[in-house]
């Protein structure tokens, strides 16, 4: 394989990986932000004052949970495709 082809293949793989990671990151961040907004609205309605610092750990935990959930799904899908 020529050097030019190897370089193009490397760049293509890097681009695909960056897009996949970017999409996963954006989706998980969106879900976490929805949790944050939901808990903030709940505080506003029920308690009439918002505890901003109490809601930040919820955002972080939701992001990590969904990010790890997506991360654990990827090897299974890859293994399923490679066994075919």
Protein backbone atom coordinates (compact mmCIF):
# COMPACT_ATOMS: atom_id res chain seq x y z
CA UNK A 1 0.00 0.00 0.00
CA UNK A 2 1.37 3.37 -0.92
CA UNK A 3 2.20 6.01 1.65
CA UNK A 4 -0.48 8.30 0.26
CA UNK A 5 -3.15 5.61 0.64
CA UNK A 6 -2.06 4.84 4.19
CA UNK A 7 -2.22 8.51 5.11
CA UNK A 8 -5.67 8.90 3.56
CA UNK A 9 -6.92 5.80 5.39
CA UNK A 10 -5.50 7.09 8.66
CA UNK A 11 -7.17 10.47 8.19
CA UNK A 12 -10.48 8.86 7.28
CA UNK A 13 -10.41 6.62 10.36
CA UNK A 14 -9.55 9.56 12.59
CA UNK A 15 -12.40 11.59 11.11
CA UNK A 16 -14.94 8.79 11.64
CA UNK A 17 -13.75 8.28 15.23
CA UNK A 18 -13.93 12.00 16.01
CA UNK A 19 -17.46 12.24 14.61
CA UNK A 20 -18.63 9.23 16.62
CA UNK A 21 -17.09 10.51 19.86
CA UNK A 22 -18.44 14.00 19.19
CA UNK A 23 -21.98 12.69 18.62
CA UNK A 24 -21.86 10.52 21.74
CA UNK A 25 -20.52 13.41 23.81
CA UNK A 26 -23.17 15.83 22.51
CA UNK A 27 -26.05 13.40 23.05
CA UNK A 28 -24.98 12.56 26.59
CA UNK A 29 -24.41 16.21 27.45
CA UNK A 30 -27.87 17.07 26.13
CA UNK A 31 -29.49 14.39 28.30
CA UNK A 32 -27.56 15.61 31.36
CA UNK A 33 -28.59 19.21 30.70
CA UNK A 34 -32.22 18.12 30.45
CA UNK A 35 -31.91 16.49 33.88
CA UNK A 36 -30.35 19.68 35.23
CA UNK A 37 -33.11 21.87 33.82
CA UNK A 38 -35.77 19.46 35.06
CA UNK A 39 -34.45 19.43 38.61
CA UNK A 40 -34.02 23.22 38.53
CA UNK A 41 -37.64 23.71 37.45
CA UNK A 42 -38.78 21.23 40.11
CA UNK A 43 -36.90 23.24 42.76
CA UNK A 44 -38.40 26.46 41.47
CA UNK A 45 -41.97 25.14 41.57
CA UNK A 46 -41.88 23.12 44.78
CA UNK A 47 -39.34 24.94 46.97
CA UNK A 48 -39.61 28.46 45.49
CA UNK A 49 -35.83 28.78 45.58
CA UNK A 50 -33.30 27.02 43.43
CA UNK A 51 -30.31 25.18 44.91
CA UNK A 52 -27.92 25.53 41.98
CA UNK A 53 -25.00 23.78 43.65
CA UNK A 54 -27.16 20.78 44.58
CA UNK A 55 -28.20 20.33 40.95
CA UNK A 56 -24.68 20.37 39.49
CA UNK A 57 -23.74 16.90 40.84
CA UNK A 58 -26.93 15.57 39.22
CA UNK A 59 -25.73 16.94 35.88
CA UNK A 60 -22.31 15.33 36.28
CA UNK A 61 -23.71 11.98 37.43
CA UNK A 62 -26.27 11.87 34.59
CA UNK A 63 -23.58 12.66 32.02
CA UNK A 64 -21.21 10.00 33.38
CA UNK A 65 -23.97 7.40 33.63
CA UNK A 66 -25.14 7.85 30.04
CA UNK A 67 -21.59 8.17 28.72
CA UNK A 68 -20.57 4.91 30.39
CA UNK A 69 -23.77 3.26 29.19
CA UNK A 70 -22.96 4.22 25.59
CA UNK A 71 -19.35 3.17 26.06
CA UNK A 72 -20.34 -0.32 27.25
CA UNK A 73 -22.61 -0.83 24.23
CA UNK A 74 -19.88 -0.23 21.62
CA UNK A 75 -17.72 -3.35 22.19
CA UNK A 76 -20.80 -5.56 22.09
CA UNK A 77 -21.90 -4.15 18.74
CA UNK A 78 -18.35 -4.44 17.36
CA UNK A 79 -18.03 -8.04 18.55
CA UNK A 80 -21.39 -8.91 17.05
CA UNK A 81 -20.33 -7.51 13.64
CA UNK A 82 -16.94 -9.25 13.67
CA UNK A 83 -18.44 -12.68 14.43
CA UNK A 84 -20.67 -12.57 11.30
